[in-house]
Amino acid sequence: MFDNAVKSAKALYNKLDIVGVEKIVFSPYLKIAGTIDLLAKSKKDGSYVIVDHKTNKSIDIEDKWNKFALPPIQHLHDTNFIHYGL
């Protein structure tokens, strides 16, 4: 298993330039913020790639309790799927 992870990392390294790790991002307009685990740039076309590794046991898509986020995104359900998507 570890060998596969190393091969995958080497393949990515050959295709991407690392811009930063643990990059804090925010939008004053939307009043939201978060941290990107790895921000990279494609060597091929210059597009940006966001790598964000999650360690939760599960990603909850359905909102069992009908809870919503706070403004300005109060129309979104309060689930970790939505949190990570933002």
PDB file of N, CA and C in Angstrom:
ATOM      1  N   MET A   1       0.825  -1.196   0.000  1.00  0.00           N
ATOM      2  CA  MET A   1       0.000   0.000   0.000  1.00  0.00           C
ATOM      3  C   MET A   1       0.869   1.259   0.000  1.00  0.00           C
ATOM      4  N   PHE A   2       1.912   1.271   0.811  1.00  0.00           N
ATOM      5  CA  PHE A   2       2.797   2.434   0.884  1.00  0.00           C
ATOM      6  C   PHE A   2       3.477   2.673  -0.461  1.00  0.00           C
ATOM      7  N   ASP A   3       3.873   1.604  -1.150  1.00  0.00           N
ATOM      8  CA  ASP A   3       4.524   1.736  -2.458  1.00  0.00           C
ATOM      9  C   ASP A   3       3.618   2.440  -3.461  1.00  0.00           C
ATOM     10  N   ASN A   4       2.331   2.114  -3.432  1.00  0.00           N
ATOM     11  CA  ASN A   4       1.373   2.773  -4.338  1.00  0.00           C
ATOM     12  C   ASN A   4       1.268   4.259  -4.036  1.00  0.00           C
ATOM     13  N   ALA A   5       1.274   4.613  -2.770  1.00  0.00           N
ATOM     14  CA  ALA A   5       1.190   6.021  -2.376  1.00  0.00           C
ATOM     15  C   ALA A   5       2.426   6.775  -2.851  1.00  0.00           C
ATOM     16  N   VAL A   6       3.585   6.157  -2.739  1.00  0.00           N
ATOM     17  CA  VAL A   6       4.829   6.798  -3.182  1.00  0.00           C
ATOM     18  C   VAL A   6       4.811   6.980  -4.697  1.00  0.00           C
ATOM     19  N   LYS A   7       4.362   5.965  -5.427  1.00  0.00           N
ATOM     20  CA  LYS A   7       4.270   6.067  -6.891  1.00  0.00           C
ATOM     21  C   LYS A   7       3.306   7.180  -7.298  1.00  0.00           C
ATOM     22  N   SER A   8       2.177   7.259  -6.611  1.00  0.00           N
ATOM     23  CA  SER A   8       1.197   8.308  -6.919  1.00  0.00           C
ATOM     24  C   SER A   8       1.775   9.690  -6.650  1.00  0.00           C
ATOM     25  N   ALA A   9       2.482   9.830  -5.531  1.00  0.00           N
ATOM     26  CA  ALA A   9       3.076  11.117  -5.178  1.00  0.00           C
ATOM     27  C   ALA A   9       4.136  11.522  -6.204  1.00  0.00           C
ATOM     28  N   LYS A  10       4.954  10.579  -6.636  1.00  0.00           N
ATOM     29  CA  LYS A  10       5.982  10.882  -7.642  1.00  0.00           C
ATOM     30  C   LYS A  10       5.350  11.285  -8.970  1.00  0.00           C
ATOM     31  N   ALA A  11       4.277  10.610  -9.355  1.00  0.00           N
ATOM     32  CA  ALA A  11       3.584  10.939 -10.606  1.00  0.00           C
ATOM     33  C   ALA A  11       3.025  12.357 -10.538  1.00  0.00           C
ATOM     34  N   LEU A  12       2.437  12.714  -9.398  1.00  0.00           N
ATOM     35  CA  LEU A  12       1.913  14.071  -9.239  1.00  0.00           C
ATOM     36  C   LEU A  12       3.034  15.099  -9.250  1.00  0.00           C
ATOM     37  N   TYR A  13       4.141  14.779  -8.592  1.00  0.00           N
ATOM     38  CA  TYR A  13       5.262  15.706  -8.496  1.00  0.00           C
ATOM     39  C   TYR A  13       5.807  16.052  -9.882  1.00  0.00           C
ATOM     40  N   ASN A  14       5.814  15.079 -10.786  1.00  0.00           N
ATOM     41  CA  ASN A  14       6.309  15.313 -12.136  1.00  0.00           C
ATOM     42  C   ASN A  14       5.358  16.170 -12.968  1.00  0.00           C
ATOM     43  N   LYS A  15       4.103  16.247 -12.561  1.00  0.00           N
ATOM     44  CA  LYS A  15       3.102  16.992 -13.327  1.00  0.00           C
ATOM     45  C   LYS A  15       2.747  18.346 -12.721  1.00  0.00           C
ATOM     46  N   LEU A  16       3.110  18.556 -11.458  1.00  0.00           N
ATOM     47  CA  LEU A  16       2.669  19.750 -10.744  1.00  0.00           C
ATOM     48  C   LEU A  16       3.823  20.513 -10.115  1.00  0.00           C
ATOM     49  N   ASP A  17       3.674  21.825 -10.043  1.00  0.00           N
ATOM     50  CA  ASP A  17       4.562  22.664  -9.241  1.00  0.00           C
ATOM     51  C   ASP A  17       3.802  23.028  -7.976  1.00  0.00           C
ATOM     52  N   ILE A  18       4.407  22.818  -6.833  1.00  0.00           N
ATOM     53  CA  ILE A  18       3.742  23.121  -5.569  1.00  0.00           C
ATOM     54  C   ILE A  18       3.781  24.623  -5.327  1.00  0.00           C
ATOM     55  N   VAL A  19       2.602  25.193  -5.110  1.00  0.00           N
ATOM     56  CA  VAL A  19       2.472  26.615  -4.839  1.00  0.00           C
ATOM     57  C   VAL A  19       2.526  26.849  -3.330  1.00  0.00           C
ATOM     58  N   GLY A  20       1.889  25.972  -2.563  1.00  0.00           N
ATOM     59  CA  GLY A  20       1.908  26.117  -1.112  1.00  0.00           C
ATOM     60  C   GLY A  20       1.172  24.990  -0.427  1.00  0.00           C
ATOM     61  N   VAL A  21       1.438  24.849   0.851  1.00  0.00           N
ATOM     62  CA  VAL A  21       0.745  23.859   1.678  1.00  0.00           C
ATOM     63  C   VAL A  21       0.074  24.577   2.843  1.00  0.00           C
ATOM     64  N   GLU A  22      -1.026  23.997   3.304  1.00  0.00           N
ATOM     65  CA  GLU A  22      -1.797  24.598   4.398  1.00  0.00           C
ATOM     66  C   GLU A  22      -2.076  26.073   4.116  1.00  0.00           C
ATOM     67  N   LYS A  23      -2.579  26.347   2.912  1.00  0.00           N
ATOM     68  CA  LYS A  23      -2.873  27.720   2.498  1.00  0.00           C
ATOM     69  C   LYS A  23      -4.233  28.145   3.049  1.00  0.00           C
ATOM     70  N   ILE A  24      -4.237  29.239   3.760  1.00  0.00           N
ATOM     71  CA  ILE A  24      -5.486  29.788   4.279  1.00  0.00           C
ATOM     72  C   ILE A  24      -6.125  30.625   3.170  1.00  0.00           C
ATOM     73  N   VAL A  25      -7.389  30.339   2.890  1.00  0.00           N
ATOM     74  CA  VAL A  25      -8.133  31.073   1.869  1.00  0.00           C
ATOM     75  C   VAL A  25      -9.392  31.653   2.510  1.00  0.00           C
ATOM     76  N   PHE A  26      -9.848  32.785   1.966  1.00  0.00           N
ATOM     77  CA  PHE A  26     -11.050  33.400   2.524  1.00  0.00           C
ATOM     78  C   PHE A  26     -11.711  34.288   1.497  1.00  0.00           C
ATOM     79  N   SER A  27     -12.965  34.580   1.755  1.00  0.00           N
ATOM     80  CA  SER A  27     -13.710  35.518   0.944  1.00  0.00           C
ATOM     81  C   SER A  27     -14.385  36.514   1.886  1.00  0.00           C
ATOM     82  N   PRO A  28     -13.902  37.759   1.894  1.00  0.00           N
ATOM     83  CA  PRO A  28     -14.564  38.771   2.722  1.00  0.00           C
ATOM     84  C   PRO A  28     -16.006  38.995   2.273  1.00  0.00           C
ATOM     85  N   TYR A  29     -16.245  38.836   0.967  1.00  0.00           N
ATOM     86  CA  TYR A  29     -17.582  39.032   0.428  1.00  0.00           C
ATOM     87  C   TYR A  29     -18.547  37.980   0.972  1.00  0.00           C
ATOM     88  N   LEU A  30     -18.137  36.709   0.937  1.00  0.00           N
ATOM     89  CA  LEU A  30     -18.999  35.621   1.421  1.00  0.00           C
ATOM     90  C   LEU A  30     -18.861  35.371   2.926  1.00  0.00           C
ATOM     91  N   LYS A  31     -17.842  35.956   3.520  1.00  0.00           N
ATOM     92  CA  LYS A  31     -17.568  35.792   4.948  1.00  0.00           C
ATOM     93  C   LYS A  31     -17.352  34.325   5.309  1.00  0.00           C
ATOM     94  N   ILE A  32     -16.551  33.632   4.478  1.00  0.00           N
ATOM     95  CA  ILE A  32     -16.179  32.246   4.754  1.00  0.00           C
ATOM     96  C   ILE A  32     -14.665  32.115   4.583  1.00  0.00           C
ATOM     97  N   ALA A  33     -14.104  31.107   5.251  1.00  0.00           N
ATOM     98  CA  ALA A  33     -12.667  30.875   5.169  1.00  0.00           C
ATOM     99  C   ALA A  33     -12.389  29.388   5.366  1.00  0.00           C
ATOM    100  N   GLY A  34     -11.195  28.991   4.975  1.00  0.00           N
ATOM    101  CA  GLY A  34     -10.795  27.597   5.152  1.00  0.00           C
ATOM    102  C   GLY A  34      -9.321  27.427   4.866  1.00  0.00           C
ATOM    103  N   THR A  35      -8.866  26.195   4.917  1.00  0.00           N
ATOM    104  CA  THR A  35      -7.468  25.888   4.668  1.00  0.00           C
ATOM    105  C   THR A  35      -7.372  24.804   3.598  1.00  0.00           C
ATOM    106  N   ILE A  36      -6.535  25.048   2.590  1.00  0.00           N
ATOM    107  CA  ILE A  36      -6.277  24.073   1.537  1.00  0.00           C
ATOM    108  C   ILE A  36      -5.030  23.298   1.936  1.00  0.00           C
ATOM    109  N   ASP A  37      -5.095  21.971   1.912  1.00  0.00           N
ATOM    110  CA  ASP A  37      -3.945  21.162   2.300  1.00  0.00           C
ATOM    111  C   ASP A  37      -2.767  21.361   1.348  1.00  0.00           C
ATOM    112  N   LEU A  38      -3.029  21.355   0.045  1.00  0.00           N
ATOM    113  CA  LEU A  38      -1.966  21.501  -0.947  1.00  0.00           C
ATOM    114  C   LEU A  38      -2.502  22.253  -2.156  1.00  0.00           C
ATOM    115  N   LEU A  39      -1.826  23.341  -2.526  1.00  0.00           N
ATOM    116  CA  LEU A  39      -2.178  24.093  -3.724  1.00  0.00           C
ATOM    117  C   LEU A  39      -1.039  23.915  -4.714  1.00  0.00           C
ATOM    118  N   ALA A  40      -1.365  23.465  -5.921  1.00  0.00           N
ATOM    119  CA  ALA A  40      -0.351  23.199  -6.938  1.00  0.00           C
ATOM    120  C   ALA A  40      -0.788  23.802  -8.262  1.00  0.00           C
ATOM    121  N   LYS A  41       0.174  23.880  -9.188  1.00  0.00           N
ATOM    122  CA  LYS A  41      -0.088  24.422 -10.518  1.00  0.00           C
ATOM    123  C   LYS A  41       0.392  23.403 -11.542  1.00  0.00           C
ATOM    124  N   SER A  42      -0.441  23.119 -12.524  1.00  0.00           N
ATOM    125  CA  SER A  42      -0.116  22.150 -13.561  1.00  0.00           C
ATOM    126  C   SER A  42       1.048  22.645 -14.413  1.00  0.00           C
ATOM    127  N   LYS A  43       2.057  21.782 -14.589  1.00  0.00           N
ATOM    128  CA  LYS A  43       3.176  22.133 -15.458  1.00  0.00           C
ATOM    129  C   LYS A  43       2.746  22.147 -16.916  1.00  0.00           C
ATOM    130  N   LYS A  44       1.683  21.413 -17.229  1.00  0.00           N
ATOM    131  CA  LYS A  44       1.227  21.288 -18.615  1.00  0.00           C
ATOM    132  C   LYS A  44       0.484  22.530 -19.100  1.00  0.00           C
ATOM    133  N   ASP A  45      -0.542  22.963 -18.335  1.00  0.00           N
ATOM    134  CA  ASP A  45      -1.379  24.058 -18.835  1.00  0.00           C
ATOM    135  C   ASP A  45      -1.499  25.251 -17.881  1.00  0.00           C
ATOM    136  N   GLY A  46      -0.830  25.199 -16.745  1.00  0.00           N
ATOM    137  CA  GLY A  46      -0.857  26.328 -15.815  1.00  0.00           C
ATOM    138  C   GLY A  46      -2.099  26.427 -14.954  1.00  0.00           C
ATOM    139  N   SER A  47      -3.003  25.442 -15.059  1.00  0.00           N
ATOM    140  CA  SER A  47      -4.208  25.477 -14.222  1.00  0.00           C
ATOM    141  C   SER A  47      -3.848  25.112 -12.783  1.00  0.00           C
ATOM    142  N   TYR A  48      -4.647  25.583 -11.854  1.00  0.00           N
ATOM    143  CA  TYR A  48      -4.408  25.297 -10.444  1.00  0.00           C
ATOM    144  C   TYR A  48      -5.121  24.022 -10.027  1.00  0.00           C
ATOM    145  N   VAL A  49      -4.515  23.322  -9.089  1.00  0.00           N
ATOM    146  CA  VAL A  49      -5.059  22.078  -8.563  1.00  0.00           C
ATOM    147  C   VAL A  49      -5.112  22.207  -7.043  1.00  0.00           C
ATOM    148  N   ILE A  50      -6.279  21.918  -6.476  1.00  0.00           N
ATOM    149  CA  ILE A  50      -6.446  21.938  -5.026  1.00  0.00           C
ATOM    150  C   ILE A  50      -6.524  20.501  -4.536  1.00  0.00           C
ATOM    151  N   VAL A  51      -5.631  20.148  -3.623  1.00  0.00           N
ATOM    152  CA  VAL A  51      -5.642  18.819  -3.026  1.00  0.00           C
ATOM    153  C   VAL A  51      -6.002  19.001  -1.560  1.00  0.00           C
ATOM    154  N   ASP A  52      -7.062  18.359  -1.139  1.00  0.00           N
ATOM    155  CA  ASP A  52      -7.533  18.510   0.228  1.00  0.00           C
ATOM    156  C   ASP A  52      -7.886  17.137   0.762  1.00  0.00           C
ATOM    157  N   HIS A  53      -7.058  16.606   1.636  1.00  0.00           N
ATOM    158  CA  HIS A  53      -7.238  15.247   2.144  1.00  0.00           C
ATOM    159  C   HIS A  53      -8.151  15.255   3.369  1.00  0.00           C
ATOM    160  N   LYS A  54      -9.178  14.429   3.335  1.00  0.00           N
ATOM    161  CA  LYS A  54     -10.122  14.323   4.452  1.00  0.00           C
ATOM    162  C   LYS A  54      -9.900  13.024   5.202  1.00  0.00           C
ATOM    163  N   THR A  55     -10.035  13.090   6.512  1.00  0.00           N
ATOM    164  CA  THR A  55      -9.792  11.904   7.336  1.00  0.00           C
ATOM    165  C   THR A  55     -11.028  11.448   8.105  1.00  0.00           C
ATOM    166  N   ASN A  56     -12.189  12.006   7.785  1.00  0.00           N
ATOM    167  CA  ASN A  56     -13.421  11.590   8.464  1.00  0.00           C
ATOM    168  C   ASN A  56     -13.759  10.139   8.133  1.00  0.00           C
ATOM    169  N   LYS A  57     -14.487   9.501   9.029  1.00  0.00           N
ATOM    170  CA  LYS A  57     -14.955   8.140   8.759  1.00  0.00           C
ATOM    171  C   LYS A  57     -15.977   8.127   7.641  1.00  0.00           C
ATOM    172  N   SER A  58     -16.767   9.193   7.543  1.00  0.00           N
ATOM    173  CA  SER A  58     -17.772   9.262   6.485  1.00  0.00           C
ATOM    174  C   SER A  58     -18.050  10.720   6.144  1.00  0.00           C
ATOM    175  N   ILE A  59     -18.585  10.916   4.962  1.00  0.00           N
ATOM    176  CA  ILE A  59     -19.011  12.239   4.519  1.00  0.00           C
ATOM    177  C   ILE A  59     -20.536  12.218   4.492  1.00  0.00           C
ATOM    178  N   ASP A  60     -21.136  13.042   5.331  1.00  0.00           N
ATOM    179  CA  ASP A  60     -22.596  13.092   5.418  1.00  0.00           C
ATOM    180  C   ASP A  60     -23.147  14.035   4.359  1.00  0.00           C
ATOM    181  N   ILE A  61     -23.901  13.462   3.420  1.00  0.00           N
ATOM    182  CA  ILE A  61     -24.514  14.252   2.356  1.00  0.00           C
ATOM    183  C   ILE A  61     -25.913  14.685   2.771  1.00  0.00           C
ATOM    184  N   GLU A  62     -26.628  13.788   3.422  1.00  0.00           N
ATOM    185  CA  GLU A  62     -27.994  14.108   3.834  1.00  0.00           C
ATOM    186  C   GLU A  62     -28.016  14.801   5.190  1.00  0.00           C
ATOM    187  N   ASP A  63     -28.907  15.750   5.316  1.00  0.00           N
ATOM    188  CA  ASP A  63     -29.090  16.496   6.560  1.00  0.00           C
ATOM    189  C   ASP A  63     -30.245  15.865   7.333  1.00  0.00           C
ATOM    190  N   LYS A  64     -29.913  15.049   8.325  1.00  0.00           N
ATOM    191  CA  LYS A  64     -30.935  14.319   9.098  1.00  0.00           C
ATOM    192  C   LYS A  64     -31.761  15.239   9.994  1.00  0.00           C
ATOM    193  N   TRP A  65     -31.217  16.392  10.355  1.00  0.00           N
ATOM    194  CA  TRP A  65     -31.865  17.248  11.347  1.00  0.00           C
ATOM    195  C   TRP A  65     -32.452  18.515  10.734  1.00  0.00           C
ATOM    196  N   ASN A  66     -32.380  18.651   9.413  1.00  0.00           N
ATOM    197  CA  ASN A  66     -32.904  19.830   8.718  1.00  0.00           C
ATOM    198  C   ASN A  66     -32.310  21.129   9.260  1.00  0.00           C
ATOM    199  N   LYS A  67     -30.987  21.096   9.485  1.00  0.00           N
ATOM    200  CA  LYS A  67     -30.257  22.284   9.944  1.00  0.00           C
ATOM    201  C   LYS A  67     -29.630  22.968   8.733  1.00  0.00           C
ATOM    202  N   PHE A  68     -29.533  24.283   8.816  1.00  0.00           N
ATOM    203  CA  PHE A  68     -28.955  25.060   7.729  1.00  0.00           C
ATOM    204  C   PHE A  68     -27.776  25.881   8.238  1.00  0.00           C
ATOM    205  N   ALA A  69     -26.932  26.285   7.308  1.00  0.00           N
ATOM    206  CA  ALA A  69     -25.773  27.103   7.640  1.00  0.00           C
ATOM    207  C   ALA A  69     -26.215  28.516   8.028  1.00  0.00           C
ATOM    208  N   LEU A  70     -25.266  29.272   8.528  1.00  0.00           N
ATOM    209  CA  LEU A  70     -25.520  30.654   8.909  1.00  0.00           C
ATOM    210  C   LEU A  70     -25.370  31.565   7.683  1.00  0.00           C
ATOM    211  N   PRO A  71     -25.954  32.782   7.743  1.00  0.00           N
ATOM    212  CA  PRO A  71     -25.811  33.728   6.636  1.00  0.00           C
ATOM    213  C   PRO A  71     -24.326  34.004   6.352  1.00  0.00           C
ATOM    214  N   PRO A  72     -23.971  34.209   5.120  1.00  0.00           N
ATOM    215  CA  PRO A  72     -24.800  34.446   3.944  1.00  0.00           C
ATOM    216  C   PRO A  72     -25.116  33.168   3.159  1.00  0.00           C
ATOM    217  N   ILE A  73     -24.835  32.008   3.741  1.00  0.00           N
ATOM    218  CA  ILE A  73     -25.077  30.747   3.021  1.00  0.00           C
ATOM    219  C   ILE A  73     -26.174  29.935   3.711  1.00  0.00           C
ATOM    220  N   GLN A  74     -27.149  30.611   4.254  1.00  0.00           N
ATOM    221  CA  GLN A  74     -28.226  29.976   5.032  1.00  0.00           C
ATOM    222  C   GLN A  74     -29.103  29.042   4.211  1.00  0.00           C
ATOM    223  N   HIS A  75     -28.982  29.087   2.898  1.00  0.00           N
ATOM    224  CA  HIS A  75     -29.772  28.196   2.031  1.00  0.00           C
ATOM    225  C   HIS A  75     -29.134  26.807   1.911  1.00  0.00           C
ATOM    226  N   LEU A  76     -27.905  26.635   2.421  1.00  0.00           N
ATOM    227  CA  LEU A  76     -27.198  25.348   2.338  1.00  0.00           C
ATOM    228  C   LEU A  76     -27.395  24.532   3.610  1.00  0.00           C
ATOM    229  N   HIS A  77     -27.541  23.239   3.444  1.00  0.00           N
ATOM    230  CA  HIS A  77     -27.681  22.352   4.597  1.00  0.00           C
ATOM    231  C   HIS A  77     -26.376  22.273   5.374  1.00  0.00           C
ATOM    232  N   ASP A  78     -26.473  22.088   6.677  1.00  0.00           N
ATOM    233  CA  ASP A  78     -25.313  22.034   7.563  1.00  0.00           C
ATOM    234  C   ASP A  78     -24.805  20.594   7.663  1.00  0.00           C
ATOM    235  N   THR A  79     -24.061  20.173   6.640  1.00  0.00           N
ATOM    236  CA  THR A  79     -23.468  18.830   6.619  1.00  0.00           C
ATOM    237  C   THR A  79     -21.979  18.968   6.334  1.00  0.00           C
ATOM    238  N   ASN A  80     -21.198  17.940   6.700  1.00  0.00           N
ATOM    239  CA  ASN A  80     -19.768  18.049   6.419  1.00  0.00           C
ATOM    240  C   ASN A  80     -19.485  18.003   4.916  1.00  0.00           C
ATOM    241  N   PHE A  81     -20.381  17.424   4.124  1.00  0.00           N
ATOM    242  CA  PHE A  81     -20.242  17.454   2.666  1.00  0.00           C
ATOM    243  C   PHE A  81     -20.234  18.897   2.164  1.00  0.00           C
ATOM    244  N   ILE A  82     -21.163  19.695   2.654  1.00  0.00           N
ATOM    245  CA  ILE A  82     -21.233  21.104   2.274  1.00  0.00           C
ATOM    246  C   ILE A  82     -20.026  21.858   2.822  1.00  0.00           C
ATOM    247  N   HIS A  83     -19.646  21.589   4.072  1.00  0.00           N
ATOM    248  CA  HIS A  83     -18.491  22.269   4.670  1.00  0.00           C
ATOM    249  C   HIS A  83     -17.251  22.053   3.811  1.00  0.00           C
ATOM    250  N   TYR A  84     -16.998  20.810   3.443  1.00  0.00           N
ATOM    251  CA  TYR A  84     -15.809  20.493   2.643  1.00  0.00           C
ATOM    252  C   TYR A  84     -15.926  21.037   1.229  1.00  0.00           C
ATOM    253  N   GLY A  85     -17.114  21.068   0.698  1.00  0.00           N
ATOM    254  CA  GLY A  85     -17.306  21.613  -0.641  1.00  0.00           C
ATOM    255  C   GLY A  85     -16.975  23.092  -0.718  1.00  0.00           C
ATOM    256  N   LEU A  86     -17.256  23.797   0.347  1.00  0.00           N
ATOM    257  CA  LEU A  86     -16.950  25.222   0.374  1.00  0.00           C
ATOM    258  C   LEU A  86     -15.474  25.435   0.470  1.00  0.00           C
TER     259      LEU A  86
END
